[in-house]
Amino acid sequence: MKKKIIVFSLFLLASLTTFAQDMASLKIEAAKAYKAASNMDYEKIFETTYPKVFDIVPKESMKDMFEQMMENDQFSIQLIEVLPEFTFGDIKKIENKTFCLVDHNNVMEMTFKEPMEDAEMMIDIFKTNMEAKEVSYDKTKNAFTIKLRSTLIAVADDSTNQKWKFLNKDKENKLFSLIFDEKIKTTLGL
């Protein structure tokens, strides 16, 4: 009986240590991903991105898309680094993969190049389409400040050498659905 208790205690200790290490490394990697994105450091963004994303969108195409999204004929976007205040969901093992949903603060300033005619309508659009919790308009700068909670989907599997990598959760989970099956999506509550 004493041997069973010792074995169980060792198993429990090993499980808790593994979980703590996973969560500790997840916190470090999430901070790296957030910092890379807020600085628009493409190389570091790509280093923290789940590699199977690049099977769908090659790195060079993704970089071009980012650049076009951040600066175009109609507007420019500046990401503002804030305290991310991460919240981490449960770490879940599904089909030899490990997942965790990581929520964080995200703030951006979107400056339009033409005068804004209906700022209130745009505020409503940002709140609805981006699920922004707060949107303000600065008429002198012709810019919207958009504050929201964003979600990173952390994944560790064979393709990442069991290290945490991320993909952004979009409203309809389109990118996630192109990579992972419906069972994983449902288990994660996406």
C-alpha atoms as a PDB file:
ATOM      1  CA  MET A   1       0.000   0.000   0.000  1.00  0.00           C
ATOM      2  CA  LYS A   2       2.825   2.364   0.892  1.00  0.00           C
ATOM      3  CA  LYS A   3       4.460   1.729  -2.525  1.00  0.00           C
ATOM      4  CA  LYS A   4       1.184   2.625  -4.298  1.00  0.00           C
ATOM      5  CA  ILE A   5       0.948   5.896  -2.388  1.00  0.00           C
ATOM      6  CA  ILE A   6       4.575   6.758  -3.213  1.00  0.00           C
ATOM      7  CA  VAL A   7       4.082   5.894  -6.914  1.00  0.00           C
ATOM      8  CA  PHE A   8       0.853   7.894  -7.051  1.00  0.00           C
ATOM      9  CA  SER A   9       2.542  10.846  -5.285  1.00  0.00           C
ATOM     10  CA  LEU A  10       5.442  10.770  -7.752  1.00  0.00           C
ATOM     11  CA  PHE A  11       3.018  10.583 -10.696  1.00  0.00           C
ATOM     12  CA  LEU A  12       1.021  13.519  -9.317  1.00  0.00           C
ATOM     13  CA  LEU A  13       4.182  15.546  -8.706  1.00  0.00           C
ATOM     14  CA  ALA A  14       5.442  14.809 -12.239  1.00  0.00           C
ATOM     15  CA  SER A  15       2.073  15.797 -13.719  1.00  0.00           C
ATOM     16  CA  LEU A  16       1.976  19.073 -11.796  1.00  0.00           C
ATOM     17  CA  THR A  17       5.593  19.851 -12.703  1.00  0.00           C
ATOM     18  CA  THR A  18       4.918  19.170 -16.398  1.00  0.00           C
ATOM     19  CA  PHE A  19       1.830  21.392 -16.299  1.00  0.00           C
ATOM     20  CA  ALA A  20       3.761  24.159 -14.537  1.00  0.00           C
ATOM     21  CA  GLN A  21       6.555  23.942 -17.112  1.00  0.00           C
ATOM     22  CA  ASP A  22       4.041  24.038 -19.969  1.00  0.00           C
ATOM     23  CA  MET A  23       2.283  27.059 -18.489  1.00  0.00           C
ATOM     24  CA  ALA A  24       5.592  28.769 -17.690  1.00  0.00           C
ATOM     25  CA  SER A  25       6.873  28.293 -21.240  1.00  0.00           C
ATOM     26  CA  LEU A  26       3.476  29.300 -22.649  1.00  0.00           C
ATOM     27  CA  LYS A  27       3.591  32.593 -20.740  1.00  0.00           C
ATOM     28  CA  ILE A  28       7.077  33.338 -22.075  1.00  0.00           C
ATOM     29  CA  GLU A  29       6.178  32.463 -25.670  1.00  0.00           C
ATOM     30  CA  ALA A  30       2.873  34.383 -25.553  1.00  0.00           C
ATOM     31  CA  ALA A  31       4.770  37.484 -24.404  1.00  0.00           C
ATOM     32  CA  LYS A  32       7.207  37.051 -27.325  1.00  0.00           C
ATOM     33  CA  ALA A  33       4.327  36.687 -29.807  1.00  0.00           C
ATOM     34  CA  TYR A  34       2.570  39.770 -28.425  1.00  0.00           C
ATOM     35  CA  LYS A  35       5.759  41.863 -28.528  1.00  0.00           C
ATOM     36  CA  ALA A  36       6.536  40.762 -32.111  1.00  0.00           C
ATOM     37  CA  ALA A  37       3.029  41.648 -33.288  1.00  0.00           C
ATOM     38  CA  SER A  38       2.868  44.996 -31.492  1.00  0.00           C
ATOM     39  CA  ASN A  39       6.211  45.953 -33.085  1.00  0.00           C
ATOM     40  CA  MET A  40       5.231  44.463 -36.462  1.00  0.00           C
ATOM     41  CA  ASP A  41       8.537  42.597 -36.467  1.00  0.00           C
ATOM     42  CA  TYR A  42       7.774  40.195 -39.318  1.00  0.00           C
ATOM     43  CA  GLU A  43      10.663  37.818 -38.684  1.00  0.00           C
ATOM     44  CA  LYS A  44       9.732  37.402 -35.036  1.00  0.00           C
ATOM     45  CA  ILE A  45       6.043  37.125 -35.922  1.00  0.00           C
ATOM     46  CA  PHE A  46       6.932  34.275 -38.289  1.00  0.00           C
ATOM     47  CA  GLU A  47       9.084  32.607 -35.608  1.00  0.00           C
ATOM     48  CA  THR A  48       6.135  32.548 -33.204  1.00  0.00           C
ATOM     49  CA  THR A  49       3.538  31.505 -35.812  1.00  0.00           C
ATOM     50  CA  TYR A  50       2.271  27.935 -35.977  1.00  0.00           C
ATOM     51  CA  PRO A  51       4.242  26.558 -38.992  1.00  0.00           C
ATOM     52  CA  LYS A  52       1.296  24.913 -40.782  1.00  0.00           C
ATOM     53  CA  VAL A  53      -0.111  28.407 -41.380  1.00  0.00           C
ATOM     54  CA  PHE A  54       2.633  28.817 -43.994  1.00  0.00           C
ATOM     55  CA  ASP A  55       1.313  25.799 -45.908  1.00  0.00           C
ATOM     56  CA  ILE A  56      -1.764  27.946 -46.571  1.00  0.00           C
ATOM     57  CA  VAL A  57      -0.175  31.387 -46.840  1.00  0.00           C
ATOM     58  CA  PRO A  58       3.555  31.554 -47.664  1.00  0.00           C
ATOM     59  CA  LYS A  59       5.611  33.907 -45.493  1.00  0.00           C
ATOM     60  CA  GLU A  60       6.277  36.386 -48.303  1.00  0.00           C
ATOM     61  CA  SER A  61       2.560  36.588 -49.141  1.00  0.00           C
ATOM     62  CA  MET A  62       1.725  37.021 -45.463  1.00  0.00           C
ATOM     63  CA  LYS A  63       4.260  39.831 -45.150  1.00  0.00           C
ATOM     64  CA  ASP A  64       2.753  41.548 -48.211  1.00  0.00           C
ATOM     65  CA  MET A  65      -0.740  41.184 -46.710  1.00  0.00           C
ATOM     66  CA  PHE A  66       0.424  42.673 -43.392  1.00  0.00           C
ATOM     67  CA  GLU A  67       2.078  45.606 -45.142  1.00  0.00           C
ATOM     68  CA  GLN A  68      -1.018  46.256 -47.270  1.00  0.00           C
ATOM     69  CA  MET A  69      -3.271  46.033 -44.216  1.00  0.00           C
ATOM     70  CA  MET A  70      -1.077  48.378 -42.154  1.00  0.00           C
ATOM     71  CA  GLU A  71      -0.640  51.042 -44.827  1.00  0.00           C
ATOM     72  CA  ASN A  72      -2.768  51.559 -47.931  1.00  0.00           C
ATOM     73  CA  ASP A  73      -4.493  54.311 -49.927  1.00  0.00           C
ATOM     74  CA  GLN A  74      -7.376  54.611 -47.463  1.00  0.00           C
ATOM     75  CA  PHE A  75      -5.811  54.296 -44.007  1.00  0.00           C
ATOM     76  CA  SER A  76      -2.841  53.323 -41.898  1.00  0.00           C
ATOM     77  CA  ILE A  77      -2.842  51.212 -38.748  1.00  0.00           C
ATOM     78  CA  GLN A  78      -0.462  51.615 -35.853  1.00  0.00           C
ATOM     79  CA  LEU A  79      -0.455  48.931 -33.174  1.00  0.00           C
ATOM     80  CA  ILE A  80       0.008  50.383 -29.720  1.00  0.00           C
ATOM     81  CA  GLU A  81       1.866  48.300 -27.189  1.00  0.00           C
ATOM     82  CA  VAL A  82      -0.062  48.095 -23.921  1.00  0.00           C
ATOM     83  CA  LEU A  83       0.012  45.812 -20.915  1.00  0.00           C
ATOM     84  CA  PRO A  84      -1.428  42.654 -22.512  1.00  0.00           C
ATOM     85  CA  GLU A  85      -3.002  41.301 -19.296  1.00  0.00           C
ATOM     86  CA  PHE A  86      -2.950  37.732 -20.592  1.00  0.00           C
ATOM     87  CA  THR A  87      -5.534  35.227 -19.474  1.00  0.00           C
ATOM     88  CA  PHE A  88      -4.788  31.587 -20.187  1.00  0.00           C
ATOM     89  CA  GLY A  89      -7.414  28.929 -20.725  1.00  0.00           C
ATOM     90  CA  ASP A  90      -6.940  25.298 -19.827  1.00  0.00           C
ATOM     91  CA  ILE A  91      -4.131  23.435 -21.528  1.00  0.00           C
ATOM     92  CA  LYS A  92      -5.779  20.634 -23.509  1.00  0.00           C
ATOM     93  CA  LYS A  93      -4.248  17.578 -25.177  1.00  0.00           C
ATOM     94  CA  ILE A  94      -6.162  16.612 -28.318  1.00  0.00           C
ATOM     95  CA  GLU A  95      -4.933  14.124 -30.944  1.00  0.00           C
ATOM     96  CA  ASN A  96      -1.242  14.339 -29.940  1.00  0.00           C
ATOM     97  CA  LYS A  97      -1.410  18.129 -29.955  1.00  0.00           C
ATOM     98  CA  THR A  98      -1.507  20.537 -27.039  1.00  0.00           C
ATOM     99  CA  PHE A  99      -3.679  23.658 -27.184  1.00  0.00           C
ATOM    100  CA  CYS A 100      -4.425  26.692 -25.068  1.00  0.00           C
ATOM    101  CA  LEU A 101      -6.481  29.806 -25.756  1.00  0.00           C
ATOM    102  CA  VAL A 102      -4.699  32.980 -24.702  1.00  0.00           C
ATOM    103  CA  ASP A 103      -6.644  36.238 -24.476  1.00  0.00           C
ATOM    104  CA  HIS A 104      -4.888  39.601 -24.330  1.00  0.00           C
ATOM    105  CA  ASN A 105      -5.452  43.329 -24.675  1.00  0.00           C
ATOM    106  CA  ASN A 106      -4.924  44.773 -28.105  1.00  0.00           C
ATOM    107  CA  VAL A 107      -4.965  48.464 -29.044  1.00  0.00           C
ATOM    108  CA  MET A 108      -4.613  49.990 -32.485  1.00  0.00           C
ATOM    109  CA  GLU A 109      -4.906  53.409 -33.999  1.00  0.00           C
ATOM    110  CA  MET A 110      -6.472  53.537 -37.456  1.00  0.00           C
ATOM    111  CA  THR A 111      -5.853  56.827 -39.241  1.00  0.00           C
ATOM    112  CA  PHE A 112      -7.874  57.603 -42.345  1.00  0.00           C
ATOM    113  CA  LYS A 113      -6.385  59.608 -45.189  1.00  0.00           C
ATOM    114  CA  GLU A 114      -9.669  61.241 -46.232  1.00  0.00           C
ATOM    115  CA  PRO A 115     -11.872  63.202 -43.806  1.00  0.00           C
ATOM    116  CA  MET A 116     -14.350  60.995 -41.971  1.00  0.00           C
ATOM    117  CA  GLU A 117     -17.977  61.822 -42.683  1.00  0.00           C
ATOM    118  CA  ASP A 118     -19.770  59.496 -40.269  1.00  0.00           C
ATOM    119  CA  ALA A 119     -17.497  58.603 -37.361  1.00  0.00           C
ATOM    120  CA  GLU A 120     -20.365  57.227 -35.238  1.00  0.00           C
ATOM    121  CA  MET A 121     -21.257  54.705 -37.927  1.00  0.00           C
ATOM    122  CA  MET A 122     -17.613  53.613 -38.136  1.00  0.00           C
ATOM    123  CA  ILE A 123     -17.459  53.241 -34.360  1.00  0.00           C
ATOM    124  CA  ASP A 124     -20.482  50.918 -34.506  1.00  0.00           C
ATOM    125  CA  ILE A 125     -18.884  48.923 -37.342  1.00  0.00           C
ATOM    126  CA  PHE A 126     -15.618  48.486 -35.406  1.00  0.00           C
ATOM    127  CA  LYS A 127     -17.480  47.436 -32.267  1.00  0.00           C
ATOM    128  CA  THR A 128     -19.534  44.870 -34.173  1.00  0.00           C
ATOM    129  CA  ASN A 129     -17.058  43.488 -36.706  1.00  0.00           C
ATOM    130  CA  MET A 130     -13.992  43.543 -34.483  1.00  0.00           C
ATOM    131  CA  GLU A 131     -15.833  42.873 -31.230  1.00  0.00           C
ATOM    132  CA  ALA A 132     -14.038  45.931 -29.848  1.00  0.00           C
ATOM    133  CA  LYS A 133     -14.831  46.833 -26.272  1.00  0.00           C
ATOM    134  CA  GLU A 134     -13.986  50.507 -26.726  1.00  0.00           C
ATOM    135  CA  VAL A 135     -13.631  52.711 -29.810  1.00  0.00           C
ATOM    136  CA  SER A 136     -12.971  56.447 -29.834  1.00  0.00           C
ATOM    137  CA  TYR A 137     -12.540  58.954 -32.635  1.00  0.00           C
ATOM    138  CA  ASP A 138     -10.084  61.865 -32.669  1.00  0.00           C
ATOM    139  CA  LYS A 139     -11.327  64.316 -35.295  1.00  0.00           C
ATOM    140  CA  THR A 140      -8.101  66.357 -35.308  1.00  0.00           C
ATOM    141  CA  LYS A 141      -6.060  63.272 -36.236  1.00  0.00           C
ATOM    142  CA  ASN A 142      -8.899  61.680 -38.263  1.00  0.00           C
ATOM    143  CA  ALA A 143      -8.096  58.508 -36.328  1.00  0.00           C
ATOM    144  CA  PHE A 144      -9.913  55.818 -34.384  1.00  0.00           C
ATOM    145  CA  THR A 145      -8.412  54.191 -31.314  1.00  0.00           C
ATOM    146  CA  ILE A 146      -9.719  50.640 -31.066  1.00  0.00           C
ATOM    147  CA  LYS A 147      -9.365  48.636 -27.851  1.00  0.00           C
ATOM    148  CA  LEU A 148     -10.236  44.964 -27.820  1.00  0.00           C
ATOM    149  CA  ARG A 149      -9.433  41.578 -26.377  1.00  0.00           C
ATOM    150  CA  SER A 150      -7.778  39.333 -28.933  1.00  0.00           C
ATOM    151  CA  THR A 151      -7.237  35.602 -28.749  1.00  0.00           C
ATOM    152  CA  LEU A 152      -4.157  33.642 -29.690  1.00  0.00           C
ATOM    153  CA  ILE A 153      -4.518  29.908 -30.174  1.00  0.00           C
ATOM    154  CA  ALA A 154      -1.380  28.301 -28.770  1.00  0.00           C
ATOM    155  CA  VAL A 155      -0.357  24.950 -30.271  1.00  0.00           C
ATOM    156  CA  ALA A 156       2.482  22.580 -29.443  1.00  0.00           C
ATOM    157  CA  ASP A 157       2.904  19.417 -31.500  1.00  0.00           C
ATOM    158  CA  ASP A 158       5.419  17.472 -33.589  1.00  0.00           C
ATOM    159  CA  SER A 159       5.578  20.235 -36.215  1.00  0.00           C
ATOM    160  CA  THR A 160       6.718  22.710 -33.522  1.00  0.00           C
ATOM    161  CA  ASN A 161       9.038  20.287 -31.694  1.00  0.00           C
ATOM    162  CA  GLN A 162       6.534  20.510 -28.821  1.00  0.00           C
ATOM    163  CA  LYS A 163       7.213  24.237 -28.402  1.00  0.00           C
ATOM    164  CA  TRP A 164       4.359  26.744 -28.249  1.00  0.00           C
ATOM    165  CA  LYS A 165       3.480  28.484 -31.507  1.00  0.00           C
ATOM    166  CA  PHE A 166       0.446  30.640 -32.246  1.00  0.00           C
ATOM    167  CA  LEU A 167      -2.239  31.559 -34.687  1.00  0.00           C
ATOM    168  CA  ASN A 168      -4.688  34.395 -34.284  1.00  0.00           C
ATOM    169  CA  LYS A 169      -8.289  33.494 -33.675  1.00  0.00           C
ATOM    170  CA  ASP A 170     -10.493  35.246 -36.181  1.00  0.00           C
ATOM    171  CA  LYS A 171     -14.217  35.756 -35.690  1.00  0.00           C
ATOM    172  CA  GLU A 172     -15.271  32.757 -37.819  1.00  0.00           C
ATOM    173  CA  ASN A 173     -12.184  30.606 -37.081  1.00  0.00           C
ATOM    174  CA  LYS A 174     -11.501  30.304 -40.822  1.00  0.00           C
ATOM    175  CA  LEU A 175      -7.738  29.844 -40.604  1.00  0.00           C
ATOM    176  CA  PHE A 176      -8.041  27.418 -37.709  1.00  0.00           C
ATOM    177  CA  SER A 177     -10.601  25.345 -39.657  1.00  0.00           C
ATOM    178  CA  LEU A 178      -8.235  25.065 -42.629  1.00  0.00           C
ATOM    179  CA  ILE A 179      -5.589  23.451 -40.403  1.00  0.00           C
ATOM    180  CA  PHE A 180      -7.483  21.513 -37.735  1.00  0.00           C
ATOM    181  CA  ASP A 181     -10.527  19.246 -37.857  1.00  0.00           C
ATOM    182  CA  GLU A 182     -13.991  19.877 -36.460  1.00  0.00           C
ATOM    183  CA  LYS A 183     -13.390  17.627 -33.419  1.00  0.00           C
ATOM    184  CA  ILE A 184     -10.510  19.807 -32.248  1.00  0.00           C
ATOM    185  CA  LYS A 185     -12.488  22.972 -32.937  1.00  0.00           C
ATOM    186  CA  THR A 186     -15.450  21.658 -30.924  1.00  0.00           C
ATOM    187  CA  THR A 187     -13.277  20.405 -28.048  1.00  0.00           C
ATOM    188  CA  LEU A 188     -11.682  23.844 -27.765  1.00  0.00           C
ATOM    189  CA  GLY A 189     -15.100  25.516 -27.871  1.00  0.00           C
ATOM    190  CA  LEU A 190     -14.363  27.513 -31.026  1.00  0.00           C
END
